[in-house]
Amino acid sequence: MAVAGRLPLKTVLVDLSGTLHIQELAVPGAQEALRRLQDSQLQVKFVTNTTKESKRRLFQNLTTLGFPVKQEDFVTSLSAAHDLVKKWQLKPMLIIDDAAMEEFEDVRPADDAELDSVVVGLAPDLFNYETLTKAFRVLLRPGARLVAVHQARYFARKDGLALGPGAFVKALEYSAGVQAHTVGKPSADFYRAALDGVEPEAAIMIGDDVNDDVAGAQSIGMRGILVRTGKYREGDEKKIDPPPAFVCEDFPRAVDAVLQTIAASS
């Protein structure tokens, strides 16, 4: 399974929702598979577009599910969006879930009159006509910015696929005549920040989203592994060019592919 001309593998980036777990249900065997991956001495980081929960809550939830994780190994689009808001000194209207709001406590404006931007994450209870109309009006203000924590089309719940925030970001773009700045996957900047100096050719991404996880990672030179869990739909691997480096039934099989790649190159 070695790839000619590739740098030795150093880092594995792992998606969370749909790859390790679906809501409060872990993918069978994923905890032990993660331990095997960590025992390989590769650097393992968790990169996620999940915006319904803060990094602290994500860590607590994964720990509760029995995953051997450390909070410092999480790279979230929510934190990246917070950092961008601070960098640009924005006063945002936040369309994000209450469980994620703690990420933005230090940048929340005191008065709606100060609003000069809109930040959109996954917030199903807020995706209603009045909230989106308020956001639309903010975006009509001179110089207003629209920040998408990510633009996923859909995500996996226990009861099936559900609309992601991308549809609502597109609605605001269309009505307000603005272009959203997307922070999370598949942004090249997001992936490079997660790699933290490691060459993309020495890294691999494991995820269930063929566009955001696999194509996004491969666009900067990483390898991508697509798992057939979460939001995966039959034939997804045929929708991108180049195709995924590997297509695996689930996360434990993806870990097998990574470890075999290491063995073949040693």
Protein backbone atom coordinates (compact mmCIF):
# COMPACT_ATOMS: atom_id res chain seq x y z
CA MET A 1 0.00 0.00 0.00
CA ALA A 2 2.98 2.35 -0.01
CA VAL A 3 2.75 5.27 -2.37
CA ALA A 4 5.89 5.93 -4.41
CA GLY A 5 7.47 9.27 -3.75
CA ARG A 6 5.51 9.91 -0.58
CA LEU A 7 7.10 11.22 2.59
CA PRO A 8 7.00 8.86 5.59
CA LEU A 9 3.65 9.16 7.35
CA LYS A 10 3.78 11.38 10.45
CA THR A 11 0.28 12.67 11.13
CA VAL A 12 -3.25 11.32 10.94
CA LEU A 13 -6.19 13.72 11.03
CA VAL A 14 -9.46 12.14 12.14
CA ASP A 15 -12.98 13.46 11.67
CA LEU A 16 -15.41 13.01 14.58
CA SER A 17 -19.13 12.97 13.77
CA GLY A 18 -19.94 10.19 11.32
CA THR A 19 -16.44 8.72 11.59
CA LEU A 20 -15.87 7.94 15.28
CA HIS A 21 -19.47 8.35 16.41
CA ILE A 22 -23.00 9.33 15.38
CA GLN A 23 -24.48 11.51 18.12
CA GLU A 24 -24.05 9.49 21.35
CA LEU A 25 -23.36 6.16 19.60
CA ALA A 26 -19.75 5.17 18.90
CA VAL A 27 -18.92 3.37 15.67
CA PRO A 28 -18.38 -0.27 16.73
CA GLY A 29 -14.74 -0.93 17.53
CA ALA A 30 -13.70 2.69 17.06
CA GLN A 31 -12.27 3.16 20.57
CA GLU A 32 -9.90 0.21 20.30
CA ALA A 33 -8.96 1.19 16.75
CA LEU A 34 -8.02 4.67 17.97
CA ARG A 35 -5.81 3.13 20.65
CA ARG A 36 -4.04 1.06 17.99
CA LEU A 37 -3.48 4.17 15.91
CA GLN A 38 -2.08 6.10 18.87
CA ASP A 39 0.21 3.18 19.78
CA SER A 40 1.79 3.45 16.31
CA GLN A 41 3.53 6.65 17.47
CA LEU A 42 1.89 8.69 14.74
CA GLN A 43 0.63 12.12 15.71
CA VAL A 44 -3.17 11.91 15.84
CA LYS A 45 -5.38 15.00 15.75
CA PHE A 46 -9.13 15.34 15.65
CA VAL A 47 -10.40 17.85 13.09
CA THR A 48 -14.08 18.60 13.10
CA ASN A 49 -16.67 20.91 11.61
CA THR A 50 -19.01 20.10 14.48
CA THR A 51 -20.48 23.42 15.64
CA LYS A 52 -23.25 22.36 18.01
CA GLU A 53 -20.78 21.98 20.88
CA SER A 54 -17.71 23.77 22.21
CA LYS A 55 -14.31 22.08 22.20
CA ARG A 56 -14.68 21.38 25.93
CA ARG A 57 -18.03 19.64 25.43
CA LEU A 58 -16.74 17.64 22.48
CA PHE A 59 -13.88 16.39 24.62
CA GLN A 60 -16.24 15.45 27.45
CA ASN A 61 -18.60 13.61 25.11
CA LEU A 62 -15.80 11.63 23.42
CA THR A 63 -14.37 10.72 26.83
CA THR A 64 -17.79 9.56 27.98
CA LEU A 65 -17.97 7.30 24.91
CA GLY A 66 -14.66 5.72 25.95
CA PHE A 67 -12.34 7.36 23.42
CA PRO A 68 -8.75 7.97 24.60
CA VAL A 69 -8.53 11.64 23.65
CA LYS A 70 -6.84 14.80 24.92
CA GLN A 71 -8.48 18.19 24.57
CA GLU A 72 -5.34 19.77 23.12
CA ASP A 73 -5.56 17.40 20.15
CA PHE A 74 -8.88 18.87 18.97
CA VAL A 75 -8.87 21.32 16.05
CA THR A 76 -12.37 22.69 15.53
CA SER A 77 -13.89 25.00 12.97
CA LEU A 78 -15.72 26.70 15.83
CA SER A 79 -12.44 27.75 17.48
CA ALA A 80 -11.08 28.83 14.10
CA ALA A 81 -14.17 31.00 13.57
CA HIS A 82 -13.67 32.57 16.99
CA ASP A 83 -10.04 33.36 16.16
CA LEU A 84 -11.10 34.95 12.86
CA VAL A 85 -13.70 37.11 14.59
CA LYS A 86 -11.03 38.36 16.98
CA LYS A 87 -8.50 38.92 14.20
CA TRP A 88 -10.98 40.95 12.15
CA GLN A 89 -12.33 42.68 15.29
CA LEU A 90 -15.91 41.86 14.36
CA LYS A 91 -19.05 42.34 16.41
CA PRO A 92 -21.02 39.32 15.25
CA MET A 93 -24.58 38.14 15.33
CA LEU A 94 -24.09 34.49 16.28
CA ILE A 95 -26.30 31.84 14.73
CA ILE A 96 -24.85 28.94 16.70
CA ASP A 97 -26.19 26.45 19.21
CA ASP A 98 -26.31 27.40 22.89
CA ALA A 99 -23.93 24.52 23.67
CA ALA A 100 -21.30 26.18 21.47
CA MET A 101 -21.79 29.74 22.66
CA GLU A 102 -19.06 29.57 25.32
CA GLU A 103 -16.47 29.64 22.52
CA PHE A 104 -17.52 33.23 21.75
CA GLU A 105 -18.08 34.69 25.23
CA ASP A 106 -15.25 37.19 24.83
CA VAL A 107 -16.42 38.57 21.46
CA ARG A 108 -20.18 38.87 21.92
CA PRO A 109 -21.35 42.49 21.44
CA ALA A 110 -23.47 44.10 24.13
CA ASP A 111 -25.88 45.80 21.76
CA ASP A 112 -27.53 44.66 18.52
CA ALA A 113 -26.87 48.12 17.12
CA GLU A 114 -23.15 47.28 17.08
CA LEU A 115 -23.54 44.18 14.89
CA ASP A 116 -21.35 44.25 11.80
CA SER A 117 -21.24 40.57 10.85
CA VAL A 118 -23.04 37.23 11.01
CA VAL A 119 -21.45 33.93 12.05
CA VAL A 120 -23.36 30.79 11.03
CA GLY A 121 -22.82 27.35 12.49
CA LEU A 122 -25.16 24.40 12.93
CA ALA A 123 -28.08 25.74 14.95
CA PRO A 124 -31.30 23.94 13.94
CA ASP A 125 -33.48 25.79 16.46
CA LEU A 126 -32.36 29.15 15.03
CA PHE A 127 -32.84 28.36 11.35
CA ASN A 128 -36.21 30.09 11.17
CA TYR A 129 -37.60 32.99 9.15
CA GLU A 130 -37.28 35.72 11.80
CA THR A 131 -33.71 34.87 12.81
CA LEU A 132 -32.56 34.66 9.20
CA THR A 133 -34.33 37.93 8.39
CA LYS A 134 -32.47 39.62 11.25
CA ALA A 135 -29.20 38.21 9.89
CA PHE A 136 -30.12 39.42 6.40
CA ARG A 137 -30.67 42.95 7.74
CA VAL A 138 -27.29 42.92 9.51
CA LEU A 139 -25.62 41.89 6.26
CA LEU A 140 -27.18 44.86 4.48
CA ARG A 141 -25.16 47.22 6.70
CA PRO A 142 -22.13 48.79 4.97
CA GLY A 143 -19.08 46.54 5.16
CA ALA A 144 -20.88 43.70 6.94
CA ARG A 145 -19.23 40.25 6.76
CA LEU A 146 -20.74 36.76 6.60
CA VAL A 147 -18.66 34.02 8.25
CA ALA A 148 -19.59 30.37 7.74
CA VAL A 149 -18.13 28.09 10.38
CA HIS A 150 -18.52 25.54 7.60
CA GLN A 151 -20.88 24.90 4.69
CA ALA A 152 -21.73 21.22 5.00
CA ARG A 153 -24.72 20.24 2.87
CA TYR A 154 -25.91 17.62 5.36
CA PHE A 155 -24.82 15.58 8.36
CA ALA A 156 -25.69 12.22 9.93
CA ARG A 157 -28.12 11.81 12.81
CA LYS A 158 -29.39 8.56 14.33
CA ASP A 159 -32.64 8.96 12.37
CA GLY A 160 -30.88 9.63 9.05
CA LEU A 161 -29.32 12.53 7.14
CA ALA A 162 -30.29 16.11 8.08
CA LEU A 163 -29.74 19.50 6.47
CA GLY A 164 -26.43 21.15 7.32
CA PRO A 165 -25.76 24.89 7.69
CA GLY A 166 -24.61 25.25 4.08
CA ALA A 167 -28.16 25.68 2.79
CA PHE A 168 -28.79 28.58 5.16
CA VAL A 169 -25.45 30.23 4.39
CA LYS A 170 -26.34 30.08 0.70
CA ALA A 171 -29.74 31.65 1.40
CA LEU A 172 -28.07 34.59 3.16
CA GLU A 173 -25.50 34.97 0.39
CA TYR A 174 -28.23 35.03 -2.23
CA SER A 175 -30.55 37.49 -0.48
CA ALA A 176 -27.92 39.87 0.90
CA GLY A 177 -25.64 39.76 -2.14
CA VAL A 178 -22.57 38.85 -0.10
CA GLN A 179 -19.92 36.12 -0.24
CA ALA A 180 -19.36 34.04 2.89
CA HIS A 181 -15.87 33.43 4.25
CA THR A 182 -15.77 29.72 5.12
CA VAL A 183 -13.53 28.77 8.02
CA GLY A 184 -13.67 24.99 8.48
CA LYS A 185 -13.18 21.99 6.23
CA PRO A 186 -12.50 21.89 3.28
CA SER A 187 -10.57 25.17 3.70
CA ALA A 188 -6.88 24.72 2.88
CA ASP A 189 -6.00 27.17 5.67
CA PHE A 190 -7.90 25.03 8.18
CA TYR A 191 -6.04 21.88 7.14
CA ARG A 192 -2.65 23.60 7.20
CA ALA A 193 -3.35 24.95 10.68
CA ALA A 194 -4.23 21.44 11.86
CA LEU A 195 -0.99 20.05 10.39
CA ASP A 196 1.00 22.66 12.32
CA GLY A 197 4.05 22.57 10.09
CA VAL A 198 3.90 18.92 9.02
CA GLU A 199 4.16 18.54 5.25
CA PRO A 200 0.79 17.52 3.74
CA GLU A 201 2.50 14.65 1.89
CA ALA A 202 3.34 13.16 5.31
CA ALA A 203 -0.27 13.22 6.51
CA ILE A 204 -3.52 11.38 5.94
CA MET A 205 -7.15 12.31 6.66
CA ILE A 206 -9.89 9.89 7.70
CA GLY A 207 -13.51 11.02 7.32
CA ASP A 208 -17.03 10.26 6.10
CA ASP A 209 -17.48 13.35 3.91
CA VAL A 210 -16.03 12.82 0.44
CA ASN A 211 -15.88 16.57 -0.26
CA ASP A 212 -15.00 18.27 3.03
CA ASP A 213 -12.83 15.50 4.49
CA VAL A 214 -11.26 13.70 1.54
CA ALA A 215 -11.23 16.13 -1.40
CA GLY A 216 -10.33 19.02 0.91
CA ALA A 217 -7.37 17.17 2.37
CA GLN A 218 -6.18 15.81 -0.97
CA SER A 219 -6.32 19.29 -2.54
CA ILE A 220 -3.28 20.29 -0.48
CA GLY A 221 -1.37 17.04 -1.01
CA MET A 222 -2.59 14.85 1.84
CA ARG A 223 -3.95 11.35 1.34
CA GLY A 224 -7.62 10.80 2.11
CA ILE A 225 -9.48 7.79 3.48
CA LEU A 226 -13.25 7.71 3.01
CA VAL A 227 -15.24 5.60 5.49
CA ARG A 228 -18.64 4.17 4.62
CA THR A 229 -20.31 5.38 7.82
CA GLY A 230 -22.05 8.60 8.87
CA LYS A 231 -23.01 10.72 5.89
CA TYR A 232 -21.43 8.39 3.33
CA ARG A 233 -23.71 7.57 0.39
CA GLU A 234 -23.19 4.80 -2.13
CA GLY A 235 -20.94 5.99 -4.95
CA ASP A 236 -19.46 8.98 -3.08
CA GLU A 237 -15.95 7.78 -3.89
CA LYS A 238 -16.66 8.30 -7.58
CA LYS A 239 -17.62 11.95 -7.14
CA ILE A 240 -14.11 13.39 -6.75
CA ASP A 241 -10.94 13.38 -8.84
CA PRO A 242 -8.51 12.13 -7.75
CA PRO A 243 -10.51 9.48 -5.87
CA PRO A 244 -9.80 8.67 -2.21
CA ALA A 245 -6.53 6.90 -1.53
CA PHE A 246 -8.58 4.26 0.30
CA VAL A 247 -12.27 3.53 0.82
CA CYS A 248 -12.95 1.58 4.01
CA GLU A 249 -16.07 0.15 5.63
CA ASP A 250 -15.51 1.99 8.90
CA PHE A 251 -12.91 3.64 11.14
CA PRO A 252 -11.33 0.38 12.39
CA ARG A 253 -10.74 -0.68 8.76
CA ALA A 254 -9.30 2.76 8.01
CA VAL A 255 -6.83 2.31 10.87
CA ASP A 256 -5.87 -1.07 9.35
CA ALA A 257 -5.13 0.71 6.05
CA VAL A 258 -2.96 3.32 7.80
CA LEU A 259 -0.97 0.72 9.74
CA GLN A 260 -0.47 -1.40 6.61
CA THR A 261 0.77 1.70 4.78
CA ILE A 262 3.37 2.24 7.51
CA ALA A 263 4.44 -1.41 7.41
CA ALA A 264 4.76 -1.37 3.60
CA SER A 265 6.99 1.72 3.67
CA SER A 266 9.32 0.54 6.45
